[in-house]
Amino acid sequence: MYNSNEILQLINDYLENIRFDRKPQSLYEPIKYVLDIGGKRIRPTLMMLAYNLFKDDPESILSSACALETYHNYTLLHDDLMDHADLRRGHMTVHKRWDANTAILSGDTMLVLAYDMMARCRPDKLKEIISLFTETALEIGEGQQYDMDFENRNDVSEDEYIEMIRLKTSVLLACANKMGAILADADQKDADCLYKFGEKIGLAFQLQDDFLDVYGDTKVFGKTIGGDIVSNKKTYMLINALALADEKQKDTLLKWMDMANPDPQEKIAAVTEIYNEIGVNRLAIEKIKYFFNEGLKYLDNVSVENERKREMLAYTREMMKREY
């Protein structure tokens, strides 16, 4: 069996050796740029670890695993453009280095390339894999639309938010796990358990992202703290603060949310103070632990010996090991 570091090396080598021989170069250069600036490669790693639960040659599914990474980066190109983000992984985003039209067109091309790479899987599994991939891609678009719709609402419920992040984030991790199982000839029960495992872990991961945006260490987290507060992003933290605040706290929150050009640091400090008073930080930690533990139950139900699950378990624990 491979460990996660060995799998990551296989993935990075594969992506680094992709050559785009088609023209025009101006279309493919941004794609190569995005794939070369790295990232955690969580989705292809999960896919290959899931495969490795059942079979010992995960290198045989590298093309399909890297298709997921290509697809994921396509979504980031468009997300960065919609969010007007200047940096991604410490590098200029495509629309900043080139322009918005390039980000749109190169992103669209990445989506097509992802399908082409995915279609190189075993012919007898092609229909099932493409169907799962397509359903997942549709769900991610739906999640992104919900996220955009929430920008204009102050009455988003916790259940609505959980469903949004399930669609926008979790289903791709779930898809990665299930694809690995399908390509390894796992039975339907095990493939479904791995899907639910990825789905629950993905929810925990995104909720932790919300938490760290407020309470994380910038040096460890890798992002400026408080960005969600400044932009009034409807996160688990804000939704629960609005739901649980007393009249005075809610008035203060809404005042900061409605303010045209607040001082960012003052707004972050004021909103964080209300979060602390209400205790949404504790609620978030409890919810993160809940979804993570729910995910582990599904991994426990996969019918392979525990020794073969050891690397998958270690990797997912490491995914969640980010400083509070």
Protein backbone atom coordinates (compact mmCIF):
# COMPACT_ATOMS: atom_id res chain seq x y z
CA MET A 1 0.00 0.00 0.00
CA TYR A 2 1.02 3.59 -0.63
CA ASN A 3 1.07 6.29 2.01
CA SER A 4 -0.42 9.72 1.33
CA ASN A 5 2.97 11.35 0.70
CA GLU A 6 3.84 8.76 -1.94
CA ILE A 7 0.44 9.28 -3.57
CA LEU A 8 0.91 13.06 -3.51
CA GLN A 9 4.25 12.65 -5.27
CA LEU A 10 2.62 10.55 -7.98
CA ILE A 11 -0.05 13.20 -8.48
CA ASN A 12 2.41 16.10 -8.61
CA ASP A 13 4.66 14.24 -11.07
CA TYR A 14 1.68 13.51 -13.32
CA LEU A 15 0.45 17.11 -13.31
CA GLU A 16 3.94 18.55 -13.82
CA ASN A 17 4.43 16.35 -16.88
CA ILE A 18 1.21 17.37 -18.62
CA ARG A 19 2.07 19.04 -21.91
CA PHE A 20 -0.41 21.14 -23.82
CA ASP A 21 0.50 20.83 -27.49
CA ARG A 22 -2.63 22.50 -28.79
CA LYS A 23 -2.81 26.16 -29.78
CA PRO A 24 -3.20 29.01 -29.10
CA GLN A 25 -0.65 29.08 -26.31
CA SER A 26 -2.47 32.03 -24.73
CA LEU A 27 -5.38 29.67 -23.90
CA TYR A 28 -3.30 26.88 -22.38
CA GLU A 29 -0.58 28.86 -20.60
CA PRO A 30 -2.92 29.96 -17.77
CA ILE A 31 -4.04 26.34 -17.29
CA LYS A 32 -0.46 25.15 -16.92
CA TYR A 33 0.20 28.08 -14.60
CA VAL A 34 -2.68 27.13 -12.29
CA LEU A 35 -1.79 23.44 -12.17
CA ASP A 36 1.87 24.23 -11.49
CA ILE A 37 1.36 26.48 -8.46
CA GLY A 38 0.46 23.48 -6.34
CA GLY A 39 -2.07 23.00 -3.61
CA LYS A 40 -2.88 20.23 -1.17
CA ARG A 41 -4.27 17.92 -3.92
CA ILE A 42 -6.82 16.65 -1.40
CA ARG A 43 -9.35 15.32 -3.91
CA PRO A 44 -7.05 13.17 -6.06
CA THR A 45 -5.28 11.94 -2.92
CA LEU A 46 -8.58 10.84 -1.39
CA MET A 47 -9.55 9.10 -4.63
CA MET A 48 -6.31 7.11 -4.74
CA LEU A 49 -6.42 6.31 -1.02
CA ALA A 50 -9.98 5.04 -1.46
CA TYR A 51 -8.83 2.84 -4.36
CA ASN A 52 -5.90 1.63 -2.27
CA LEU A 53 -8.29 0.32 0.37
CA PHE A 54 -9.17 -2.45 -2.07
CA LYS A 55 -6.31 -2.70 -4.58
CA ASP A 56 -2.57 -2.07 -4.46
CA ASP A 57 -2.01 -0.25 -7.76
CA PRO A 58 -3.51 3.26 -7.28
CA GLU A 59 -1.10 4.61 -9.90
CA SER A 60 -3.39 2.96 -12.46
CA ILE A 61 -6.09 5.61 -11.83
CA LEU A 62 -3.82 8.67 -11.94
CA SER A 63 -5.54 10.15 -14.98
CA SER A 64 -8.97 10.06 -13.36
CA ALA A 65 -7.63 11.32 -10.03
CA CYS A 66 -5.90 14.25 -11.73
CA ALA A 67 -9.09 14.94 -13.68
CA LEU A 68 -10.69 15.79 -10.33
CA GLU A 69 -7.80 18.13 -9.51
CA THR A 70 -8.12 19.79 -12.92
CA TYR A 71 -11.86 20.20 -12.39
CA HIS A 72 -11.33 21.61 -8.89
CA ASN A 73 -8.89 24.19 -10.22
CA TYR A 74 -11.34 25.14 -12.95
CA THR A 75 -13.86 26.03 -10.24
CA LEU A 76 -11.21 28.10 -8.45
CA LEU A 77 -10.49 30.13 -11.60
CA HIS A 78 -14.14 31.15 -11.79
CA ASP A 79 -14.52 31.55 -8.01
CA ASP A 80 -11.55 33.93 -7.90
CA LEU A 81 -13.04 35.99 -10.70
CA MET A 82 -16.45 36.18 -8.99
CA ASP A 83 -14.82 37.04 -5.66
CA HIS A 84 -12.42 39.59 -7.20
CA ALA A 85 -9.56 37.74 -5.48
CA ASP A 86 -6.04 38.92 -6.22
CA LEU A 87 -4.10 35.94 -4.87
CA ARG A 88 -4.44 32.17 -4.86
CA ARG A 89 -1.84 30.09 -2.98
CA GLY A 90 0.40 33.12 -2.80
CA HIS A 91 0.34 33.72 -6.58
CA MET A 92 -1.61 36.15 -8.73
CA THR A 93 -4.97 34.81 -9.82
CA VAL A 94 -5.48 34.24 -13.53
CA HIS A 95 -7.81 37.18 -14.04
CA LYS A 96 -5.25 39.46 -12.37
CA ARG A 97 -2.20 38.10 -14.23
CA TRP A 98 -4.06 37.99 -17.54
CA ASP A 99 -7.66 39.26 -17.62
CA ALA A 100 -11.23 38.23 -16.86
CA ASN A 101 -11.95 36.86 -20.33
CA THR A 102 -8.88 34.64 -20.14
CA ALA A 103 -9.97 33.32 -16.73
CA ILE A 104 -13.39 32.43 -18.13
CA LEU A 105 -12.17 30.78 -21.31
CA SER A 106 -9.20 28.96 -19.80
CA GLY A 107 -11.44 27.79 -16.98
CA ASP A 108 -14.00 26.46 -19.45
CA THR A 109 -11.22 24.64 -21.26
CA MET A 110 -10.04 23.08 -17.99
CA LEU A 111 -13.52 21.65 -17.51
CA VAL A 112 -13.38 20.00 -20.94
CA LEU A 113 -9.87 18.71 -20.25
CA ALA A 114 -11.06 17.26 -16.94
CA TYR A 115 -13.73 15.26 -18.76
CA ASP A 116 -11.16 14.08 -21.29
CA MET A 117 -8.84 12.89 -18.51
CA MET A 118 -11.69 11.24 -16.64
CA ALA A 119 -12.77 9.37 -19.78
CA ARG A 120 -9.44 7.51 -19.79
CA CYS A 121 -10.63 5.29 -16.94
CA ARG A 122 -11.42 1.60 -17.40
CA PRO A 123 -13.94 1.27 -20.25
CA ASP A 124 -16.23 -0.99 -18.21
CA LYS A 125 -16.50 1.72 -15.52
CA LEU A 126 -16.78 4.71 -17.85
CA LYS A 127 -20.55 5.20 -17.78
CA GLU A 128 -20.75 4.99 -13.97
CA ILE A 129 -17.76 7.29 -13.46
CA ILE A 130 -18.91 9.94 -15.94
CA SER A 131 -22.43 9.87 -14.49
CA LEU A 132 -21.10 10.43 -10.96
CA PHE A 133 -18.74 13.16 -12.16
CA THR A 134 -21.51 14.98 -14.03
CA GLU A 135 -23.95 14.82 -11.11
CA THR A 136 -21.23 16.16 -8.80
CA ALA A 137 -20.37 19.02 -11.16
CA LEU A 138 -24.03 20.02 -11.36
CA GLU A 139 -24.34 19.97 -7.56
CA ILE A 140 -21.26 22.15 -7.14
CA GLY A 141 -22.74 24.75 -9.48
CA GLU A 142 -25.97 24.63 -7.49
CA GLY A 143 -24.04 25.15 -4.26
CA GLN A 144 -22.20 28.13 -5.70
CA GLN A 145 -25.51 29.68 -6.76
CA TYR A 146 -26.96 29.21 -3.27
CA ASP A 147 -23.85 30.89 -1.84
CA MET A 148 -24.39 33.85 -4.16
CA ASP A 149 -28.10 34.00 -3.32
CA PHE A 150 -27.29 34.10 0.40
CA GLU A 151 -25.32 37.34 -0.08
CA ASN A 152 -28.62 39.23 -0.29
CA ARG A 153 -30.29 37.54 2.68
CA ASN A 154 -29.98 37.96 6.44
CA ASP A 155 -32.38 35.12 7.26
CA VAL A 156 -30.32 32.13 6.06
CA SER A 157 -30.93 29.16 8.36
CA GLU A 158 -28.28 26.75 9.62
CA ASP A 159 -29.88 23.90 7.65
CA GLU A 160 -29.78 25.94 4.44
CA TYR A 161 -26.14 26.76 5.05
CA ILE A 162 -25.17 23.14 5.72
CA GLU A 163 -26.88 22.10 2.48
CA MET A 164 -25.06 24.86 0.58
CA ILE A 165 -21.61 23.79 1.78
CA ARG A 166 -22.51 20.14 1.20
CA LEU A 167 -23.13 20.97 -2.44
CA LYS A 168 -20.35 23.48 -2.91
CA THR A 169 -17.58 21.64 -1.06
CA SER A 170 -18.44 18.22 0.34
CA VAL A 171 -19.79 16.42 -2.71
CA LEU A 172 -16.45 16.62 -4.55
CA LEU A 173 -14.65 14.92 -1.66
CA ALA A 174 -17.43 12.35 -1.53
CA CYS A 175 -17.19 11.86 -5.29
CA ALA A 176 -13.42 11.32 -5.04
CA ASN A 177 -13.86 8.56 -2.48
CA LYS A 178 -16.65 6.82 -4.36
CA MET A 179 -14.81 6.98 -7.69
CA GLY A 180 -11.79 5.32 -6.09
CA ALA A 181 -14.02 2.57 -4.74
CA ILE A 182 -15.81 2.06 -8.07
CA LEU A 183 -12.56 1.79 -10.02
CA ALA A 184 -11.27 -0.73 -7.47
CA ASP A 185 -14.34 -2.97 -7.95
CA ALA A 186 -15.66 -2.34 -4.44
CA ASP A 187 -19.24 -3.40 -3.81
CA GLN A 188 -22.08 -0.86 -3.77
CA LYS A 189 -22.31 -0.74 0.03
CA ASP A 190 -18.63 0.09 0.48
CA ALA A 191 -18.71 2.67 -2.32
CA ASP A 192 -21.73 4.36 -0.71
CA CYS A 193 -20.11 4.32 2.74
CA LEU A 194 -17.03 5.99 1.33
CA TYR A 195 -19.21 8.60 -0.35
CA LYS A 196 -20.91 9.42 2.96
CA PHE A 197 -17.54 9.42 4.71
CA GLY A 198 -16.22 12.03 2.28
CA GLU A 199 -19.42 14.06 2.52
CA LYS A 200 -19.28 14.30 6.33
CA ILE A 201 -15.54 15.00 6.40
CA GLY A 202 -16.10 17.72 3.82
CA LEU A 203 -18.71 19.38 6.01
CA ALA A 204 -16.33 19.31 8.97
CA PHE A 205 -13.54 20.72 6.82
CA GLN A 206 -15.63 23.65 5.53
CA LEU A 207 -17.01 24.46 8.98
CA GLN A 208 -13.46 24.49 10.29
CA ASP A 209 -12.60 26.92 7.49
CA ASP A 210 -15.36 29.23 8.77
CA PHE A 211 -14.03 28.93 12.29
CA LEU A 212 -10.41 29.58 11.34
CA ASP A 213 -11.36 32.67 9.35
CA VAL A 214 -12.27 34.21 12.69
CA TYR A 215 -10.10 32.40 15.22
CA GLY A 216 -7.18 31.07 13.20
CA ASP A 217 -3.53 32.06 13.21
CA THR A 218 -2.81 33.90 9.96
CA LYS A 219 0.66 32.34 9.65
CA VAL A 220 -0.73 28.83 10.02
CA PHE A 221 -4.08 29.29 8.27
CA GLY A 222 -2.51 30.99 5.26
CA LYS A 223 -5.22 33.62 4.89
CA THR A 224 -5.96 37.02 6.36
CA ILE A 225 -8.16 36.51 9.39
CA GLY A 226 -11.60 38.12 9.41
CA GLY A 227 -12.23 38.28 5.67
CA ASP A 228 -15.64 36.62 6.03
CA ILE A 229 -16.67 39.18 8.64
CA VAL A 230 -15.58 42.11 6.49
CA SER A 231 -17.54 40.81 3.48
CA ASN A 232 -20.66 39.83 5.49
CA LYS A 233 -20.30 36.27 4.22
CA LYS A 234 -23.07 34.05 5.52
CA THR A 235 -21.04 31.52 7.47
CA TYR A 236 -21.98 29.13 10.25
CA MET A 237 -20.60 31.73 12.67
CA LEU A 238 -22.67 34.67 11.42
CA ILE A 239 -25.87 32.67 10.87
CA ASN A 240 -25.85 31.36 14.43
CA ALA A 241 -24.88 34.73 15.87
CA LEU A 242 -27.88 36.35 14.19
CA ALA A 243 -30.16 33.53 15.33
CA LEU A 244 -29.01 33.53 18.96
CA ALA A 245 -28.25 37.23 19.57
CA ASP A 246 -30.32 39.28 21.97
CA GLU A 247 -31.88 42.48 20.65
CA LYS A 248 -28.86 44.66 21.42
CA GLN A 249 -26.36 42.20 19.95
CA LYS A 250 -28.44 41.74 16.80
CA ASP A 251 -28.77 45.51 16.32
CA THR A 252 -25.01 45.85 16.62
CA LEU A 253 -24.38 43.03 14.15
CA LEU A 254 -26.81 44.48 11.61
CA LYS A 255 -25.30 47.95 12.04
CA TRP A 256 -21.86 46.63 11.13
CA MET A 257 -23.29 44.59 8.26
CA ASP A 258 -25.11 47.62 6.82
CA MET A 259 -22.21 50.05 7.23
CA ALA A 260 -20.94 51.24 3.84
CA ASN A 261 -17.21 51.58 4.45
CA PRO A 262 -16.33 50.38 7.95
CA ASP A 263 -12.77 50.16 9.21
CA PRO A 264 -12.01 46.44 8.64
CA GLN A 265 -10.14 45.89 11.89
CA GLU A 266 -12.77 47.67 13.96
CA LYS A 267 -15.53 45.62 12.34
CA ILE A 268 -13.65 42.34 12.85
CA ALA A 269 -13.01 43.16 16.52
CA ALA A 270 -16.61 44.21 17.21
CA VAL A 271 -18.22 41.24 15.49
CA THR A 272 -15.77 38.77 17.03
CA GLU A 273 -16.60 40.15 20.48
CA ILE A 274 -20.29 39.41 19.88
CA TYR A 275 -19.40 35.92 18.63
CA ASN A 276 -17.52 35.34 21.89
CA GLU A 277 -20.40 36.66 24.01
CA ILE A 278 -22.89 34.37 22.26
CA GLY A 279 -20.52 31.39 22.22
CA VAL A 280 -20.72 30.58 18.52
CA ASN A 281 -17.06 29.57 18.67
CA ARG A 282 -17.95 26.68 20.97
CA LEU A 283 -20.95 25.77 18.82
CA ALA A 284 -18.74 25.64 15.74
CA ILE A 285 -16.17 23.38 17.39
CA GLU A 286 -18.92 21.02 18.54
CA LYS A 287 -20.42 20.89 15.03
CA ILE A 288 -17.01 20.25 13.45
CA LYS A 289 -16.40 17.33 15.81
CA TYR A 290 -19.90 16.02 15.18
CA PHE A 291 -19.51 15.82 11.40
CA PHE A 292 -15.99 14.43 11.63
CA ASN A 293 -17.09 11.66 13.99
CA GLU A 294 -20.12 10.92 11.80
CA GLY A 295 -17.74 10.50 8.89
CA LEU A 296 -15.58 8.06 10.82
CA LYS A 297 -18.62 5.87 11.43
CA TYR A 298 -19.04 5.41 7.68
CA LEU A 299 -15.35 4.59 7.26
CA ASP A 300 -15.70 2.01 10.05
CA ASN A 301 -18.46 0.33 8.03
CA VAL A 302 -16.27 -0.21 4.96
CA SER A 303 -15.67 -3.96 4.77
CA VAL A 304 -11.88 -4.08 4.62
CA GLU A 305 -9.57 -4.82 7.52
CA ASN A 306 -8.67 -1.90 9.74
CA GLU A 307 -5.01 -2.06 8.78
CA ARG A 308 -5.93 -1.09 5.22
CA LYS A 309 -7.92 1.90 6.55
CA ARG A 310 -5.00 3.22 8.57
CA GLU A 311 -3.60 5.55 5.90
CA MET A 312 -7.00 6.96 4.94
CA LEU A 313 -7.75 7.64 8.60
CA ALA A 314 -4.36 9.27 9.18
CA TYR A 315 -4.75 11.45 6.10
CA THR A 316 -8.21 12.73 7.02
CA ARG A 317 -7.07 13.47 10.56
CA GLU A 318 -4.16 15.44 9.10
CA MET A 319 -6.61 17.35 6.86
CA MET A 320 -8.35 18.60 9.99
CA LYS A 321 -5.14 19.35 11.87
CA ARG A 322 -5.11 23.10 11.35
CA GLU A 323 -4.39 25.51 14.17
CA TYR A 324 -7.29 27.18 15.98
